[in-house]
Amino acid sequence: MKHSDIKPLIDESCWPEFHMGVHLFAEDKDGVVVIERAADLLDPDEAEKNRIIRVAILLRVGPTFQHVVVDLDLAFEILEALREICDPDTPERVAMLQAQITNIRMSPHERVLQYIARACSINLRLRPLDRIQPHRLMSSLRSGLRSDFASIATSLLREPEATLAGFRSVLLAYEADAERRQQASPAPAAPAVLAAIDGGGANSGAAAGGGIIAAGGGGGWNGGGRGGGGGRGGRGGGGRGGGGGRGGGGGGNGGGGGHPAHMSVGTRPNVQCDNCHYHGHYSGDCDKYLALRLQLEQAGILPAPNTRANARQPRASALPQAGGAVMVMPQATPPAYYAPQQQQQQHVVVAPPPPQQQVVVAQPPQQQQMVVTPAAYYQHAPQVMAPAARPSPPQPVMMQVNGEMVQVHRVMCTLSPQLGMQLSALQNRAAVFVVDSGAFRSLVQQLSDLHNVRQAAAPVYVQFGTGPPQAATMEGDLLLSHNVAGQDKLLHIANVLCLPDAAVRVISVHQLAQSGIVSTFVGGRVLSHKESTGEVVLEGHVTGSEGVYVVEGRPVQPDTVQLQAQPQL
């Protein structure tokens, strides 16, 4: 059933209100509220019109909220009417969904929980009127998993009473264990460390061939230390000269060539790092990963050096010294605020700061340092994160509005065409908030998202993107229900402006910082934690190619939940 089919059944005077209501209901996360609000638009004496419009709304939101709709008193009546009135999917649509669920694959950067949720969503659209078949869905999931996950899934599917919840919990536990094993596994020492240990002084065999360990070189000039071919040879033949490396010749005068074992010769274009997602090196050789480990060791979170779990140091900070010692240079704690962008020439969704403001530029991925990752934080929680520098507050600009010069706060004013299209796509996603480090206040589009709504003391002029300045006259408090590391949390943000013409809803990083909550953009995620306890109260992720960071959640009313969050300024 389409809107055009039910339009003749509704008075023309209330059709615009109903049309707006259907779009509003499609963005609601609570199926019960969807059905209850639908009844408010109708005349209670016209039962037939009530039933038809309920069915029309269910057609739009039913596949998404099927698990909620089945618990309603009118569920069976609505579902029967749905079967009689329309066919939810054409044969072509069903065939396409079947192909998607059969060939579903886990993307390289996708987490297990996101992968399972995506499969469940496809399965719900494929069978909107029936319950999920656990074994059928889990079999499709198993075929798209990596080999190590697939073996776990195969053993679980042999159980006749296997459930999707158990399937997900087992995979999540295995994924967390795999991350811990990867962080604790030792790796071969860097070439600089090998050179310092094997070479000795300045005249050691480590100085041959123009490199620290020369591939096929004859070793050093005076052959001190372990002389020999393949980078361990010496032209003086002293010490233990002879037979070094792989395929290396003897010592004496001019050891032969050959590559040392496990030697890295150039980059590997066919290898992709799981940490920075760049080609040319393995995850264990990633500078970002090694720098993070050093910071965690200095903070006392990971085992101290000289233990098996912490056998290597960052290559960029290991410097050889005389006598074979290795000195690790301490690295400064990076600021928690920097532009969450992987390319230096692009800027995050913030207004350009004035000249006197502190300008924070994104570093290239090879040089960018991280404060902490979600995996490292939750393995060792609770912990207090490193102190971070406060961002400079966004400054308003003077603009002429209705013939009068007023202060205008600019939000997301550097809208490129790609970013504008991305924000347009976010408008159709329910309960998505953009985390903006340049917004002076948090913004919503509807007063229904707020509670304790009140008139603002004075109109606040806001320019969203490149549009005209708009006056926000209403404000209130926002109670955001969202998920952090698998746990439901509530975040209470006070003094949130309502701007109906805003492109998306915005959470201001600066407003959170005023109440002692520090936000860090790192590794494709944004983490907001309390400075006093280190507790993470907000977690988001990057979306699209323009570096927009979003948090998925929904506004709730205080009378429907038990308030556990503290108001933020």
Protein backbone atom coordinates (compact mmCIF):
# COMPACT_ATOMS: atom_id res chain seq x y z
CA MET A 1 0.00 0.00 0.00
CA LYS A 2 1.33 3.43 -0.94
CA HIS A 3 0.48 6.91 0.28
CA SER A 4 -1.54 7.49 -2.88
CA ASP A 5 -3.75 4.48 -2.04
CA ILE A 6 -4.80 5.79 1.36
CA LYS A 7 -4.96 9.50 0.52
CA PRO A 8 -8.63 9.36 -0.63
CA LEU A 9 -9.55 7.89 2.78
CA ILE A 10 -8.25 10.92 4.68
CA ASP A 11 -9.64 14.43 4.72
CA GLU A 12 -7.52 16.86 2.74
CA SER A 13 -7.21 19.10 5.79
CA CYS A 14 -5.32 16.47 7.80
CA TRP A 15 -3.35 14.87 4.92
CA PRO A 16 -0.19 17.05 5.37
CA GLU A 17 -0.13 16.23 9.07
CA PHE A 18 -0.46 12.51 8.36
CA HIS A 19 2.22 12.61 5.64
CA MET A 20 4.65 14.30 8.04
CA GLY A 21 3.67 11.84 10.77
CA VAL A 22 4.51 8.76 8.71
CA HIS A 23 8.03 10.06 8.05
CA LEU A 24 8.40 10.95 11.72
CA PHE A 25 7.26 7.48 12.79
CA ALA A 26 9.73 5.80 10.44
CA GLU A 27 12.59 7.39 12.39
CA ASP A 28 11.29 6.29 15.80
CA LYS A 29 13.17 3.45 17.50
CA ASP A 30 10.21 2.30 19.60
CA GLY A 31 7.55 0.35 17.70
CA VAL A 32 5.00 0.79 20.49
CA VAL A 33 5.25 4.56 20.25
CA VAL A 34 4.86 4.28 16.48
CA ILE A 35 1.46 2.62 16.75
CA GLU A 36 0.24 4.77 19.65
CA ARG A 37 1.13 8.03 17.92
CA ALA A 38 -0.62 6.86 14.77
CA ALA A 39 -3.91 6.61 16.65
CA ASP A 40 -3.55 10.22 17.83
CA LEU A 41 -3.83 11.48 14.24
CA LEU A 42 -7.18 9.77 13.66
CA ASP A 43 -10.79 10.23 14.66
CA PRO A 44 -11.50 7.54 17.30
CA ASP A 45 -15.00 6.99 15.88
CA GLU A 46 -13.73 5.90 12.47
CA ALA A 47 -12.45 2.41 13.21
CA GLU A 48 -11.95 1.38 9.58
CA LYS A 49 -9.79 4.39 8.81
CA ASN A 50 -7.85 3.66 12.00
CA ARG A 51 -7.12 0.10 10.90
CA ILE A 52 -6.05 1.04 7.36
CA ILE A 53 -3.65 3.78 8.46
CA ARG A 54 -2.14 1.55 11.15
CA VAL A 55 -1.44 -1.00 8.42
CA ALA A 56 0.10 1.69 6.21
CA ILE A 57 2.45 2.75 8.99
CA LEU A 58 3.34 -0.86 9.72
CA LEU A 59 4.25 -1.32 6.05
CA ARG A 60 6.85 1.41 6.43
CA VAL A 61 8.34 0.41 9.80
CA GLY A 62 7.20 -3.20 10.28
CA PRO A 63 10.34 -5.04 9.09
CA THR A 64 12.49 -2.93 11.42
CA PHE A 65 10.29 -3.12 14.52
CA GLN A 66 8.87 -6.62 14.06
CA HIS A 67 10.24 -7.78 17.45
CA VAL A 68 8.30 -4.96 19.16
CA VAL A 69 5.10 -5.09 17.13
CA VAL A 70 4.41 -8.76 17.92
CA ASP A 71 3.93 -7.86 21.59
CA LEU A 72 1.09 -5.40 20.99
CA ASP A 73 -2.55 -6.21 21.68
CA LEU A 74 -3.52 -5.46 18.07
CA ALA A 75 -0.58 -7.33 16.56
CA PHE A 76 -2.55 -10.27 15.13
CA GLU A 77 -5.23 -8.03 13.66
CA ILE A 78 -2.64 -5.81 12.00
CA LEU A 79 -0.63 -8.73 10.64
CA GLU A 80 -3.72 -10.40 9.20
CA ALA A 81 -4.70 -7.15 7.50
CA LEU A 82 -1.16 -6.85 6.21
CA ARG A 83 -1.36 -10.30 4.59
CA GLU A 84 -4.69 -9.46 2.97
CA ILE A 85 -3.94 -5.98 1.67
CA CYS A 86 -0.47 -6.14 0.20
CA ASP A 87 2.56 -8.18 -0.69
CA PRO A 88 5.54 -6.64 1.18
CA ASP A 89 8.16 -7.75 -1.35
CA THR A 90 8.09 -8.46 -5.05
CA PRO A 91 9.71 -11.70 -6.34
CA GLU A 92 12.66 -9.68 -7.62
CA ARG A 93 13.15 -8.07 -4.20
CA VAL A 94 12.95 -11.44 -2.45
CA ALA A 95 15.52 -12.93 -4.85
CA MET A 96 17.92 -10.04 -4.24
CA LEU A 97 17.60 -10.36 -0.45
CA GLN A 98 18.12 -14.12 -0.65
CA ALA A 99 21.32 -13.55 -2.62
CA GLN A 100 22.51 -11.03 -0.04
CA ILE A 101 21.89 -13.30 2.94
CA THR A 102 23.47 -16.28 1.16
CA ASN A 103 26.62 -14.44 0.05
CA ILE A 104 27.02 -12.12 3.04
CA ARG A 105 30.67 -11.45 3.79
CA MET A 106 32.40 -9.81 6.71
CA SER A 107 34.17 -6.66 5.53
CA PRO A 108 37.83 -6.14 6.58
CA HIS A 109 37.03 -3.31 9.02
CA GLU A 110 33.75 -4.73 10.37
CA ARG A 111 33.31 -5.94 13.92
CA VAL A 112 31.58 -9.25 14.67
CA LEU A 113 28.63 -7.53 16.35
CA GLN A 114 28.07 -5.23 13.36
CA TYR A 115 28.33 -8.18 10.98
CA ILE A 116 25.68 -10.17 12.86
CA ALA A 117 23.37 -7.14 13.12
CA ARG A 118 23.64 -6.56 9.36
CA ALA A 119 22.71 -10.17 8.65
CA CYS A 120 19.72 -9.97 11.02
CA SER A 121 18.52 -6.83 9.26
CA ILE A 122 18.64 -8.54 5.86
CA ASN A 123 16.86 -11.57 7.25
CA LEU A 124 14.11 -9.40 8.76
CA ARG A 125 13.48 -7.67 5.42
CA LEU A 126 13.45 -11.04 3.71
CA ARG A 127 10.91 -12.61 6.08
CA PRO A 128 9.02 -9.72 7.70
CA LEU A 129 6.06 -11.86 8.82
CA ASP A 130 7.90 -14.88 10.22
CA ARG A 131 10.34 -15.43 13.05
CA ILE A 132 14.08 -15.70 12.42
CA GLN A 133 15.32 -19.22 11.77
CA PRO A 134 18.50 -19.35 13.90
CA HIS A 135 20.29 -22.23 12.17
CA ARG A 136 19.61 -20.85 8.69
CA LEU A 137 20.89 -17.42 9.63
CA MET A 138 23.92 -18.77 11.51
CA SER A 139 24.87 -20.96 8.55
CA SER A 140 24.90 -17.89 6.30
CA LEU A 141 26.96 -15.99 8.87
CA ARG A 142 29.48 -18.80 9.16
CA SER A 143 30.16 -18.84 5.42
CA GLY A 144 31.17 -15.17 5.49
CA LEU A 145 33.42 -15.29 8.57
CA ARG A 146 37.18 -15.54 8.63
CA SER A 147 38.60 -19.04 8.90
CA ASP A 148 39.28 -18.90 12.64
CA PHE A 149 35.78 -17.62 13.41
CA ALA A 150 34.22 -20.10 10.98
CA SER A 151 35.73 -23.07 12.82
CA ILE A 152 34.18 -21.85 16.08
CA ALA A 153 30.84 -21.37 14.35
CA THR A 154 30.96 -24.85 12.80
CA SER A 155 31.37 -26.52 16.18
CA LEU A 156 28.55 -24.42 17.64
CA LEU A 157 26.12 -25.28 14.82
CA ARG A 158 26.43 -28.97 15.67
CA GLU A 159 24.38 -28.26 18.79
CA PRO A 160 20.65 -28.75 18.07
CA GLU A 161 19.65 -26.05 20.58
CA ALA A 162 22.01 -23.39 19.27
CA THR A 163 20.64 -19.84 19.45
CA LEU A 164 21.66 -16.62 17.77
CA ALA A 165 22.44 -15.01 21.14
CA GLY A 166 24.80 -17.85 22.07
CA PHE A 167 26.36 -17.74 18.62
CA ARG A 168 27.05 -14.02 18.97
CA SER A 169 28.41 -14.25 22.52
CA VAL A 170 30.86 -17.02 21.58
CA LEU A 171 32.19 -15.05 18.60
CA LEU A 172 32.54 -11.86 20.63
CA ALA A 173 34.46 -13.72 23.36
CA TYR A 174 36.77 -15.26 20.74
CA GLU A 175 37.32 -11.87 19.09
CA ALA A 176 38.30 -10.27 22.41
CA ASP A 177 40.66 -13.16 23.15
CA ALA A 178 42.22 -12.85 19.69
CA GLU A 179 42.91 -9.15 20.28
CA ARG A 180 44.62 -9.93 23.58
CA ARG A 181 46.76 -12.62 21.96
CA GLN A 182 47.77 -10.25 19.15
CA GLN A 183 48.84 -7.54 21.60
CA ALA A 184 50.83 -9.98 23.76
CA SER A 185 52.53 -11.97 20.97
CA PRO A 186 56.28 -11.24 20.54
CA ALA A 187 57.69 -10.23 17.16
CA PRO A 188 61.19 -10.36 15.63
CA ALA A 189 63.46 -7.56 16.79
CA ALA A 190 63.84 -4.60 14.48
CA PRO A 191 66.95 -4.44 12.24
CA ALA A 192 68.26 -1.49 14.27
CA VAL A 193 68.16 -3.58 17.45
CA LEU A 194 69.89 -6.53 15.75
CA ALA A 195 72.60 -4.21 14.49
CA ALA A 196 73.22 -2.75 17.93
CA ILE A 197 73.44 -6.20 19.56
CA ASP A 198 75.50 -7.96 16.88
CA GLY A 199 77.74 -5.12 15.82
CA GLY A 200 79.32 -3.66 18.91
CA GLY A 201 81.25 -0.44 18.32
CA ALA A 202 81.43 1.91 15.39
CA ASN A 203 83.81 -0.39 13.48
CA SER A 204 81.54 -3.41 13.81
CA GLY A 205 80.13 -5.62 11.11
CA ALA A 206 76.86 -3.71 11.26
CA ALA A 207 78.08 -0.87 9.05
CA ALA A 208 78.41 -2.69 5.75
CA GLY A 209 76.67 -2.04 2.47
CA GLY A 210 75.30 1.38 3.39
CA GLY A 211 72.71 -0.07 5.81
CA ILE A 212 72.57 -1.22 9.41
CA ILE A 213 72.35 -4.85 8.34
CA ALA A 214 73.41 -5.07 4.70
CA ALA A 215 71.66 -7.55 2.43
CA GLY A 216 74.50 -9.45 0.79
CA GLY A 217 77.17 -7.08 2.10
CA GLY A 218 80.49 -8.23 3.43
CA GLY A 219 80.06 -6.86 6.95
CA GLY A 220 82.10 -4.15 8.67
CA TRP A 221 85.62 -2.98 8.01
CA ASN A 222 87.45 -4.40 11.02
CA GLY A 223 85.23 -7.42 11.54
CA GLY A 224 84.49 -6.89 15.23
CA GLY A 225 81.70 -8.79 16.92
CA ARG A 226 80.18 -11.59 14.89
CA GLY A 227 81.89 -11.34 11.53
CA GLY A 228 80.71 -13.27 8.52
CA GLY A 229 78.82 -13.02 5.27
CA GLY A 230 75.37 -11.63 4.66
CA GLY A 231 75.67 -8.62 6.91
CA ARG A 232 77.56 -10.38 9.70
CA GLY A 233 80.90 -10.69 7.89
CA GLY A 234 84.03 -8.67 8.37
CA ARG A 235 86.91 -7.74 6.13
CA GLY A 236 89.31 -8.14 9.00
CA GLY A 237 88.17 -11.62 9.94
CA GLY A 238 88.34 -10.90 13.64
CA GLY A 239 86.03 -12.25 16.30
CA ARG A 240 83.67 -14.97 15.19
CA GLY A 241 83.94 -14.24 11.49
CA GLY A 242 82.40 -16.71 9.11
CA GLY A 243 79.18 -18.17 7.87
CA GLY A 244 76.72 -15.50 8.96
CA GLY A 245 73.22 -14.94 7.61
CA ARG A 246 71.55 -17.15 5.08
CA GLY A 247 73.81 -18.19 2.24
CA GLY A 248 76.61 -16.00 3.57
CA GLY A 249 80.22 -16.87 2.90
CA GLY A 250 83.07 -17.32 5.34
CA GLY A 251 84.81 -14.70 7.42
CA GLY A 252 88.39 -13.61 7.05
CA ASN A 253 89.00 -10.99 4.41
CA GLY A 254 85.66 -10.12 2.81
CA GLY A 255 82.83 -12.38 3.85
CA GLY A 256 80.39 -13.42 1.16
CA GLY A 257 76.92 -12.09 0.48
CA GLY A 258 73.49 -13.38 1.22
CA HIS A 259 70.28 -12.17 2.92
CA PRO A 260 70.00 -12.62 6.69
CA ALA A 261 67.11 -14.75 7.89
CA HIS A 262 63.77 -12.86 8.24
CA MET A 263 65.25 -9.76 6.68
CA SER A 264 62.84 -7.15 5.30
CA VAL A 265 63.77 -6.01 1.79
CA GLY A 266 61.57 -3.05 0.86
CA THR A 267 57.80 -2.79 1.36
CA ARG A 268 55.24 -5.48 0.71
CA PRO A 269 52.50 -4.04 -1.52
CA ASN A 270 50.35 -7.15 -1.13
CA VAL A 271 50.24 -6.90 2.70
CA GLN A 272 47.72 -4.72 4.54
CA CYS A 273 48.03 -3.68 8.19
CA ASP A 274 45.01 -4.38 10.42
CA ASN A 275 45.79 -1.34 12.60
CA CYS A 276 46.26 1.59 10.20
CA HIS A 277 44.82 -0.23 7.12
CA TYR A 278 47.75 0.86 4.95
CA HIS A 279 49.66 -1.47 2.63
CA GLY A 280 53.33 -2.33 2.91
CA HIS A 281 53.75 -3.77 6.42
CA TYR A 282 52.27 -6.28 8.83
CA SER A 283 50.24 -5.39 11.93
CA GLY A 284 53.12 -6.31 14.22
CA ASP A 285 55.41 -3.81 12.45
CA CYS A 286 52.91 -0.92 12.54
CA ASP A 287 54.39 2.22 14.10
CA LYS A 288 50.99 3.28 15.47
CA TYR A 289 50.56 -0.05 17.24
CA LEU A 290 54.09 -0.04 18.67
CA ALA A 291 53.77 3.55 19.89
CA LEU A 292 50.50 2.67 21.63
CA ARG A 293 52.11 -0.29 23.38
CA LEU A 294 54.91 1.92 24.66
CA GLN A 295 52.41 4.38 26.13
CA LEU A 296 50.47 1.60 27.83
CA GLU A 297 53.70 0.21 29.27
CA GLN A 298 54.71 3.60 30.63
CA ALA A 299 51.24 3.97 32.20
CA GLY A 300 51.62 0.59 33.94
CA ILE A 301 48.72 -1.03 32.06
CA LEU A 302 50.76 -3.58 30.12
CA PRO A 303 53.63 -5.63 31.65
CA ALA A 304 56.93 -3.87 32.12
CA PRO A 305 59.77 -4.29 29.58
CA ASN A 306 61.98 -7.39 29.64
CA THR A 307 58.91 -9.61 30.03
CA ARG A 308 57.71 -12.02 27.40
CA ALA A 309 54.43 -10.18 26.85
CA ASN A 310 56.30 -6.97 26.09
CA ALA A 311 59.34 -8.17 24.15
CA ARG A 312 59.51 -5.47 21.50
CA GLN A 313 59.64 -1.70 21.39
CA PRO A 314 58.60 0.82 18.72
CA ARG A 315 61.06 0.81 15.85
CA ALA A 316 61.05 4.58 15.56
CA SER A 317 62.13 5.03 19.19
CA ALA A 318 64.81 2.28 19.45
CA LEU A 319 68.29 3.72 19.00
CA PRO A 320 71.53 1.68 19.19
CA GLN A 321 74.23 2.76 21.60
CA ALA A 322 77.84 1.74 22.06
CA GLY A 323 78.33 -1.64 23.69
CA GLY A 324 75.23 -3.23 22.19
CA ALA A 325 72.68 -1.45 24.43
CA VAL A 326 69.33 -0.23 23.16
CA MET A 327 67.89 3.07 24.33
CA VAL A 328 64.12 3.64 23.97
CA MET A 329 63.25 7.30 23.66
CA PRO A 330 60.19 8.33 25.75
CA GLN A 331 57.34 9.78 23.73
CA ALA A 332 55.29 12.76 24.84
CA THR A 333 51.61 12.32 25.63
CA PRO A 334 49.67 13.54 22.59
CA PRO A 335 46.78 16.01 22.99
CA ALA A 336 43.35 14.45 23.10
CA TYR A 337 41.94 16.93 20.60
CA TYR A 338 42.95 16.78 16.99
CA ALA A 339 41.05 16.67 13.76
CA PRO A 340 39.59 13.17 13.23
CA GLN A 341 40.67 12.96 9.62
CA GLN A 342 43.06 10.61 7.86
CA GLN A 343 44.06 13.05 5.12
CA GLN A 344 45.82 16.24 6.04
CA GLN A 345 44.26 18.38 3.34
CA GLN A 346 40.70 17.72 4.53
CA HIS A 347 39.17 19.15 7.69
CA VAL A 348 36.67 17.68 10.07
CA VAL A 349 33.17 19.16 10.24
CA VAL A 350 34.18 22.26 12.20
CA ALA A 351 34.17 25.97 11.46
CA PRO A 352 37.55 27.51 10.54
CA PRO A 353 38.92 29.06 13.77
CA PRO A 354 40.06 32.69 13.97
CA PRO A 355 43.82 33.42 13.76
CA GLN A 356 44.27 33.68 17.53
CA GLN A 357 42.71 30.28 18.07
CA GLN A 358 44.68 27.07 18.42
CA VAL A 359 44.58 25.27 15.07
CA VAL A 360 44.70 21.50 15.31
CA VAL A 361 45.76 19.70 12.12
CA ALA A 362 45.41 16.01 11.44
CA GLN A 363 48.73 14.19 11.18
CA PRO A 364 49.46 11.55 8.53
CA PRO A 365 48.56 8.04 9.69
CA GLN A 366 52.24 7.03 9.92
CA GLN A 367 52.96 9.81 12.45
CA GLN A 368 49.62 10.05 14.24
CA GLN A 369 49.70 8.95 17.89
CA MET A 370 46.81 7.52 19.82
CA VAL A 371 45.82 8.00 23.43
CA VAL A 372 44.05 4.70 23.87
CA THR A 373 41.91 2.33 21.82
CA PRO A 374 38.50 0.95 22.86
CA ALA A 375 39.91 -2.57 23.11
CA ALA A 376 42.81 -1.50 25.36
CA TYR A 377 40.53 0.56 27.57
CA TYR A 378 37.92 -2.09 28.20
CA GLN A 379 40.47 -4.83 28.85
CA HIS A 380 42.07 -2.86 31.67
CA ALA A 381 39.15 -0.72 32.91
CA PRO A 382 38.83 1.15 35.10
CA GLN A 383 41.78 3.41 34.40
CA VAL A 384 42.33 7.15 34.21
CA MET A 385 43.31 8.29 30.74
CA ALA A 386 46.10 10.75 30.11
CA PRO A 387 45.22 14.43 30.75
CA ALA A 388 44.34 16.31 27.59
CA ALA A 389 44.57 19.92 26.52
CA ARG A 390 41.34 21.93 26.48
CA PRO A 391 40.11 23.03 23.05
CA SER A 392 39.61 26.71 22.38
CA PRO A 393 35.93 27.66 22.43
CA PRO A 394 34.35 28.34 19.03
CA GLN A 395 34.03 32.06 18.34
CA PRO A 396 30.93 33.68 16.78
CA VAL A 397 31.06 36.04 13.81
CA MET A 398 29.19 39.28 13.20
CA MET A 399 26.62 39.07 10.41
CA GLN A 400 23.71 41.18 9.26
CA VAL A 401 20.30 39.62 9.94
CA ASN A 402 17.13 41.57 9.08
CA GLY A 403 19.11 44.78 8.84
CA GLU A 404 20.74 44.34 12.24
CA MET A 405 24.27 43.19 13.10
CA VAL A 406 24.14 40.19 15.42
CA GLN A 407 26.51 37.48 16.63
CA VAL A 408 26.09 34.27 14.61
CA HIS A 409 27.50 30.91 15.66
CA ARG A 410 28.60 28.89 12.63
CA VAL A 411 28.29 25.10 12.62
CA MET A 412 29.74 22.93 9.83
CA CYS A 413 30.39 25.95 7.63
CA THR A 414 33.04 24.18 5.48
CA LEU A 415 30.59 21.98 3.65
CA SER A 416 32.22 20.42 0.60
CA PRO A 417 29.91 18.80 -2.00
CA GLN A 418 30.89 15.34 -0.74
CA LEU A 419 30.21 16.30 2.87
CA GLY A 420 26.88 17.88 1.95
CA MET A 421 25.76 14.67 0.25
CA GLN A 422 26.92 12.64 3.24
CA LEU A 423 24.92 14.79 5.67
CA SER A 424 21.88 14.43 3.40
CA ALA A 425 22.24 10.66 3.71
CA LEU A 426 22.47 10.95 7.50
CA GLN A 427 19.14 12.79 7.56
CA ASN A 428 17.37 9.56 6.61
CA ARG A 429 19.02 7.57 9.41
CA ALA A 430 17.11 7.39 12.64
CA ALA A 431 18.69 8.44 15.92
CA VAL A 432 22.07 9.56 14.55
CA PHE A 433 23.97 12.38 16.26
CA VAL A 434 27.05 14.00 14.67
CA VAL A 435 29.89 14.56 17.16
CA ASP A 436 31.31 17.97 16.21
CA SER A 437 34.43 19.50 17.75
CA GLY A 438 33.55 22.92 16.32
CA ALA A 439 29.97 23.33 17.53
CA PHE A 440 29.48 25.70 20.47
CA ARG A 441 26.21 24.04 21.61
CA SER A 442 24.44 20.76 21.00
CA LEU A 443 21.55 20.96 18.51
CA VAL A 444 18.40 18.97 17.74
CA GLN A 445 15.70 19.48 15.14
CA GLN A 446 12.55 18.59 17.10
CA LEU A 447 11.28 19.70 20.48
CA SER A 448 10.01 16.16 21.08
CA ASP A 449 13.65 15.07 21.53
CA LEU A 450 14.00 17.33 24.59
CA HIS A 451 12.47 17.54 28.03
CA ASN A 452 12.20 20.52 30.36
CA VAL A 453 11.64 22.65 27.25
CA ARG A 454 11.82 26.39 27.90
CA GLN A 455 12.17 29.72 26.15
CA ALA A 456 15.76 30.82 25.62
CA ALA A 457 16.82 33.94 27.51
CA ALA A 458 17.67 35.58 24.18
CA PRO A 459 17.50 34.37 20.57
CA VAL A 460 20.63 32.48 19.53
CA TYR A 461 21.51 32.90 15.85
CA VAL A 462 23.02 29.81 14.23
CA GLN A 463 24.25 29.34 10.67
CA PHE A 464 24.21 25.66 9.79
CA GLY A 465 26.51 24.98 6.86
CA THR A 466 26.18 27.64 4.17
CA GLY A 467 22.51 28.34 4.82
CA PRO A 468 21.02 31.57 6.14
CA PRO A 469 21.28 32.35 9.86
CA GLN A 470 18.36 31.01 11.89
CA ALA A 471 17.22 32.14 15.32
CA ALA A 472 16.90 29.37 17.92
CA THR A 473 14.41 30.53 20.55
CA MET A 474 13.72 27.25 22.38
CA GLU A 475 16.04 25.07 24.41
CA GLY A 476 15.82 22.09 26.74
CA ASP A 477 17.61 19.09 28.17
CA LEU A 478 18.54 15.99 26.16
CA LEU A 479 18.59 12.50 27.69
CA LEU A 480 20.43 10.29 25.19
CA SER A 481 20.17 6.50 25.42
CA HIS A 482 23.09 4.83 23.62
CA ASN A 483 25.41 1.83 23.79
CA VAL A 484 28.99 1.80 25.06
CA ALA A 485 30.90 -1.48 24.74
CA GLY A 486 27.71 -3.56 24.85
CA GLN A 487 26.20 -1.71 27.82
CA ASP A 488 23.25 0.70 27.68
CA LYS A 489 24.12 4.13 29.05
CA LEU A 490 22.30 7.42 29.55
CA LEU A 491 23.93 10.79 28.89
CA HIS A 492 22.15 13.93 30.10
CA ILE A 493 23.10 17.11 28.22
CA ALA A 494 21.56 20.38 29.39
CA ASN A 495 20.89 23.59 27.44
CA VAL A 496 20.44 21.95 24.04
CA LEU A 497 19.14 24.26 21.30
CA CYS A 498 16.27 23.34 18.98
CA LEU A 499 16.94 24.38 15.37
CA PRO A 500 14.27 22.97 13.01
CA ASP A 501 16.28 23.77 9.86
CA ALA A 502 19.44 21.98 11.02
CA ALA A 503 20.67 19.28 8.64
CA VAL A 504 21.47 16.77 11.41
CA ARG A 505 21.50 16.57 15.18
CA VAL A 506 24.80 17.64 16.75
CA ILE A 507 26.59 16.85 20.02
CA SER A 508 29.07 19.60 20.92
CA VAL A 509 32.50 18.38 22.06
CA HIS A 510 33.18 21.80 23.59
CA GLN A 511 29.97 21.64 25.66
CA LEU A 512 30.99 18.23 27.02
CA ALA A 513 34.48 19.54 27.82
CA GLN A 514 33.00 22.28 30.01
CA SER A 515 31.69 19.59 32.38
CA GLY A 516 34.92 17.59 32.56
CA ILE A 517 34.27 15.11 29.74
CA VAL A 518 37.21 14.82 27.32
CA SER A 519 36.61 13.58 23.77
CA THR A 520 39.32 11.80 21.79
CA PHE A 521 39.17 11.02 18.06
CA VAL A 522 41.34 7.98 17.44
CA GLY A 523 41.47 4.98 15.12
CA GLY A 524 38.13 5.65 13.41
CA ARG A 525 36.33 6.10 16.74
CA VAL A 526 35.46 8.91 19.12
CA LEU A 527 35.65 8.28 22.87
CA SER A 528 34.35 10.71 25.49
CA HIS A 529 35.46 9.95 29.04
CA LYS A 530 35.34 11.64 32.42
CA GLU A 531 38.66 13.12 33.49
CA SER A 532 38.03 12.24 37.12
CA THR A 533 37.39 8.50 36.75
CA GLY A 534 38.31 7.62 33.15
CA GLU A 535 34.83 6.16 32.57
CA VAL A 536 33.79 6.22 28.91
CA VAL A 537 30.34 7.82 28.66
CA LEU A 538 30.08 8.18 24.87
CA GLU A 539 31.39 6.08 21.99
CA GLY A 540 30.99 6.78 18.27
CA HIS A 541 32.53 5.84 14.96
CA VAL A 542 33.52 7.46 11.69
CA THR A 543 31.24 7.17 8.68
CA GLY A 544 31.71 8.02 5.03
CA SER A 545 34.76 9.40 3.26
CA GLU A 546 34.60 12.90 4.76
CA GLY A 547 35.49 11.91 8.33
CA VAL A 548 32.11 12.54 9.97
CA TYR A 549 31.90 10.95 13.42
CA VAL A 550 28.45 9.81 14.57
CA VAL A 551 26.86 8.31 17.68
CA GLU A 552 23.80 6.11 17.33
CA GLY A 553 21.24 6.53 20.08
CA ARG A 554 17.74 7.81 20.75
CA PRO A 555 16.33 10.58 22.94
CA VAL A 556 14.21 9.33 25.83
CA GLN A 557 12.06 11.01 28.45
CA PRO A 558 13.07 10.91 32.14
CA ASP A 559 9.69 9.52 33.21
CA THR A 560 10.21 6.39 31.08
CA VAL A 561 13.65 5.42 32.38
CA GLN A 562 15.51 5.50 35.64
CA LEU A 563 17.80 8.52 35.39
CA GLN A 564 21.39 7.55 36.10
CA ALA A 565 23.32 10.26 34.25
CA GLN A 566 24.37 13.60 35.66
CA PRO A 567 23.37 16.83 33.84
CA GLN A 568 26.12 18.31 31.73
CA LEU A 569 26.69 22.04 31.26
